Amino acid sequence: MLILVSKAIFLDRDGVINEDHGYTYKIKDFKFLDGVLEGLQTISKLEYKIIIITNQSGIARGFFSEDEFQLFMHHLLKALGKHNIHIVDYFFCPHHPDGIIPLYKHECICRKPEAGMLYEAQKKYNLDLSQSILIGDKESDVLAGKRAGLHTNILIGDSALSQKSQATIVTSDLIGASKIITKFHLNNS
C-alpha cells in the first residue's frame, strides 16, 4: 500500500502574518503585515500544506480567553480566504509557566521553542518534516523547526539578525520568504 506523505509550510502568526501588538486578540487590532497577501498567494501555488503554529501565552496570563483567540483566528482565516489563500489548519499553545489561569499554568511540549505543535501537525496530516519549512519572526520559532528536523527555517526580520540566528535564511518579509521557497521548490521538482 502506497502512503502519500505531504510537506508543509508552517507559519508563526503574530509578527509574520499580522501585526504583533503584544497579545494580539482583538479583531479591531487585526492588520496584515505588508507583503503577506502577495507572499501567501505565491506560496499557495506550491505543493505545500500551509499551517499556522502560534504561541498564545496571553490565554494562560488571563489577558484573553480561548474563545477570544478562536474568534480572532476565524476572522484571520476568513480574511485570507477572501484572497484565495487556504490555511489547512492552525495549532496553538495556550500555556505558560508564569500564567495565572491554573489550567494553562505549566511547562509543556507544545510551546515554541519546543516542537510539539509541529509533531502534532505531522501526525494529523502525515507530514514529512524533513521536506517542510518554517517561517517565524523569533528565534524560538527557528529552534522549534530545528528540533523537529525541518528542512528550512526562515526568520523574518532585519538582516543583522542573521549573525545571531540559527535560521537557514533571514529575509525581511513574507514576499522574500515566498521567493526563497519558490526557488527551492523549482530546484527540487
Protein backbone atom coordinates (compact mmCIF):
# COMPACT_ATOMS: atom_id res chain seq x y z
CA MET A 1 0.00 0.00 0.00
CA LEU A 2 1.37 3.41 -1.00
CA ILE A 3 1.18 6.02 1.73
CA LEU A 4 1.30 9.57 0.44
CA VAL A 5 3.36 11.93 2.55
CA SER A 6 2.81 15.67 2.42
CA LYS A 7 5.07 18.59 3.15
CA ALA A 8 4.09 21.78 4.94
CA ILE A 9 4.95 25.40 5.36
CA PHE A 10 4.49 26.33 9.00
CA LEU A 11 3.84 29.99 9.73
CA ASP A 12 4.00 31.79 13.02
CA ARG A 13 1.07 34.19 13.33
CA ASP A 14 1.86 37.44 15.17
CA GLY A 15 4.72 39.28 13.50
CA VAL A 16 4.63 37.07 10.40
CA ILE A 17 1.03 37.25 9.15
CA ASN A 18 -0.49 40.05 11.19
CA GLU A 19 0.89 42.99 13.15
CA ASP A 20 2.03 42.00 16.63
CA HIS A 21 0.55 44.30 19.25
CA GLY A 22 1.72 42.13 22.13
CA TYR A 23 -1.02 39.63 22.99
CA THR A 24 -2.95 40.36 19.80
CA TYR A 25 -6.50 39.08 20.09
CA LYS A 26 -8.86 41.98 19.34
CA ILE A 27 -10.33 41.97 15.85
CA LYS A 28 -10.13 45.78 15.81
CA ASP A 29 -6.32 45.43 16.08
CA PHE A 30 -6.10 42.99 13.17
CA LYS A 31 -3.99 44.15 10.24
CA PHE A 32 -1.98 42.11 7.74
CA LEU A 33 1.70 42.92 7.55
CA ASP A 34 2.90 44.40 4.27
CA GLY A 35 3.52 41.73 1.65
CA VAL A 36 1.65 38.96 3.47
CA LEU A 37 -1.11 38.52 0.92
CA GLU A 38 1.27 38.54 -2.05
CA GLY A 39 3.68 36.16 -0.30
CA LEU A 40 0.96 33.73 0.76
CA GLN A 41 -0.64 33.78 -2.69
CA THR A 42 2.73 32.78 -4.15
CA ILE A 43 3.23 30.02 -1.58
CA SER A 44 -0.34 28.77 -2.11
CA LYS A 45 0.53 27.80 -5.69
CA LEU A 46 3.18 25.35 -4.47
CA GLU A 47 2.65 21.79 -3.22
CA TYR A 48 2.69 22.54 0.50
CA LYS A 49 0.05 22.43 3.19
CA ILE A 50 0.04 25.84 4.89
CA ILE A 51 -0.33 25.55 8.67
CA ILE A 52 -0.18 28.23 11.37
CA ILE A 53 1.60 27.43 14.63
CA THR A 54 1.42 30.08 17.32
CA ASN A 55 2.28 30.56 20.99
CA GLN A 56 -0.61 32.32 22.73
CA SER A 57 0.52 32.73 26.33
CA GLY A 58 -1.96 35.60 26.73
CA ILE A 59 -4.53 32.87 27.41
CA ALA A 60 -2.52 31.48 30.35
CA ARG A 61 -1.79 35.00 31.57
CA GLY A 62 -5.51 35.87 31.61
CA PHE A 63 -5.27 38.64 29.00
CA PHE A 64 -7.82 36.94 26.76
CA SER A 65 -9.79 33.71 26.60
CA GLU A 66 -9.52 30.74 24.30
CA ASP A 67 -12.86 31.81 22.79
CA GLU A 68 -11.47 35.28 22.01
CA PHE A 69 -8.45 33.65 20.39
CA GLN A 70 -10.73 31.44 18.27
CA LEU A 71 -12.78 34.47 17.15
CA PHE A 72 -9.60 36.25 16.07
CA MET A 73 -8.46 33.16 14.15
CA HIS A 74 -11.85 32.86 12.45
CA HIS A 75 -11.56 36.49 11.33
CA LEU A 76 -7.98 35.99 10.10
CA LEU A 77 -8.80 32.82 8.14
CA LYS A 78 -11.87 34.45 6.60
CA ALA A 79 -9.78 37.48 5.55
CA LEU A 80 -7.18 35.18 3.96
CA GLY A 81 -9.92 33.19 2.23
CA LYS A 82 -11.17 36.36 0.52
CA HIS A 83 -7.78 36.42 -1.22
CA ASN A 84 -7.94 32.70 -2.15
CA ILE A 85 -5.39 31.76 0.49
CA HIS A 86 -6.23 28.48 2.19
CA ILE A 87 -4.75 27.66 5.57
CA VAL A 88 -5.15 23.92 6.14
CA ASP A 89 -5.14 24.19 9.94
CA TYR A 90 -3.71 26.00 12.90
CA PHE A 91 -2.21 24.83 16.16
CA PHE A 92 -1.72 26.97 19.23
CA CYS A 93 -0.14 26.74 22.64
CA PRO A 94 -2.12 28.48 25.40
CA HIS A 95 0.34 27.52 28.16
CA HIS A 96 2.92 29.46 30.13
CA PRO A 97 4.61 28.59 33.44
CA ASP A 98 4.00 32.17 34.69
CA GLY A 99 0.30 32.10 33.80
CA ILE A 100 -2.48 32.93 36.24
CA ILE A 101 -5.09 30.54 34.80
CA PRO A 102 -4.46 27.19 36.57
CA LEU A 103 -5.48 25.06 33.57
CA TYR A 104 -2.75 26.65 31.44
CA LYS A 105 -0.08 27.42 34.06
CA HIS A 106 2.59 24.81 33.37
CA GLU A 107 5.54 23.81 31.24
CA CYS A 108 4.56 21.94 28.10
CA ILE A 109 5.96 20.37 24.95
CA CYS A 110 3.89 22.50 22.58
CA ARG A 111 5.21 25.96 23.44
CA LYS A 112 7.90 27.02 20.97
CA PRO A 113 10.89 26.57 21.08
CA GLU A 114 9.60 23.05 21.80
CA ALA A 115 8.39 21.23 18.70
CA GLY A 116 5.12 19.76 19.99
CA MET A 117 2.83 21.69 17.62
CA LEU A 118 4.94 20.59 14.65
CA TYR A 119 4.76 16.95 15.73
CA GLU A 120 1.01 17.23 16.29
CA ALA A 121 0.57 18.57 12.74
CA GLN A 122 2.89 15.87 11.39
CA LYS A 123 0.76 13.16 12.94
CA LYS A 124 -2.56 14.68 11.84
CA TYR A 125 -1.51 15.33 8.22
CA ASN A 126 1.15 12.64 7.59
CA LEU A 127 3.83 15.28 7.01
CA ASP A 128 7.43 14.77 6.01
CA LEU A 129 9.07 17.30 8.32
CA SER A 130 12.43 16.87 6.57
CA GLN A 131 10.81 18.43 3.47
CA SER A 132 8.87 21.08 5.38
CA ILE A 133 9.62 24.74 6.04
CA LEU A 134 9.00 27.07 8.97
CA ILE A 135 8.66 30.85 8.76
CA GLY A 136 8.84 32.79 12.01
CA ASP A 137 9.91 36.11 13.45
CA LYS A 138 11.55 34.91 16.67
CA GLU A 139 14.45 32.63 17.43
CA SER A 140 12.04 30.37 19.37
CA ASP A 141 10.28 29.66 16.05
CA VAL A 142 13.58 28.74 14.40
CA LEU A 143 14.58 26.48 17.30
CA ALA A 144 11.25 24.63 17.16
CA GLY A 145 11.82 23.99 13.47
CA LYS A 146 15.37 22.77 14.06
CA ARG A 147 14.24 20.46 16.87
CA ALA A 148 11.62 18.93 14.57
CA GLY A 149 14.18 18.41 11.79
CA LEU A 150 12.60 20.79 9.29
CA HIS A 151 14.44 21.28 6.01
CA THR A 152 14.45 25.08 6.14
CA ASN A 153 13.82 27.61 8.90
CA ILE A 154 13.27 31.16 7.68
CA LEU A 155 13.47 34.09 10.07
CA ILE A 156 11.66 37.27 9.10
CA GLY A 157 13.48 40.30 10.38
CA ASP A 158 16.41 42.62 9.98
CA SER A 159 19.44 41.21 8.16
CA ALA A 160 21.54 41.95 11.27
CA LEU A 161 19.74 39.01 12.90
CA SER A 162 21.46 36.58 10.54
CA GLN A 163 24.67 36.81 12.57
CA LYS A 164 22.90 35.68 15.75
CA SER A 165 20.22 33.35 14.42
CA GLN A 166 20.26 29.62 13.78
CA ALA A 167 17.85 30.21 10.88
CA THR A 168 18.70 28.77 7.49
CA ILE A 169 17.86 32.14 5.93
CA VAL A 170 16.90 35.60 7.20
CA THR A 171 14.69 37.76 5.00
CA SER A 172 12.79 40.99 5.52
CA ASP A 173 9.21 39.83 4.88
CA LEU A 174 6.89 37.13 3.60
CA ILE A 175 7.43 38.20 -0.02
CA GLY A 176 11.15 37.48 0.39
CA ALA A 177 10.36 34.17 2.07
CA SER A 178 7.98 33.20 -0.75
CA LYS A 179 10.67 33.89 -3.36
CA ILE A 180 13.15 31.71 -1.47
CA ILE A 181 10.61 28.90 -1.14
CA THR A 182 9.62 29.12 -4.81
CA LYS A 183 13.26 28.91 -5.89
CA PHE A 184 13.82 25.92 -3.59
CA HIS A 185 10.64 24.25 -4.87
CA LEU A 186 11.57 24.71 -8.54
CA ASN A 187 15.10 23.40 -7.95
CA ASN A 188 13.75 20.26 -6.26
CA SER A 189 10.82 19.41 -8.53
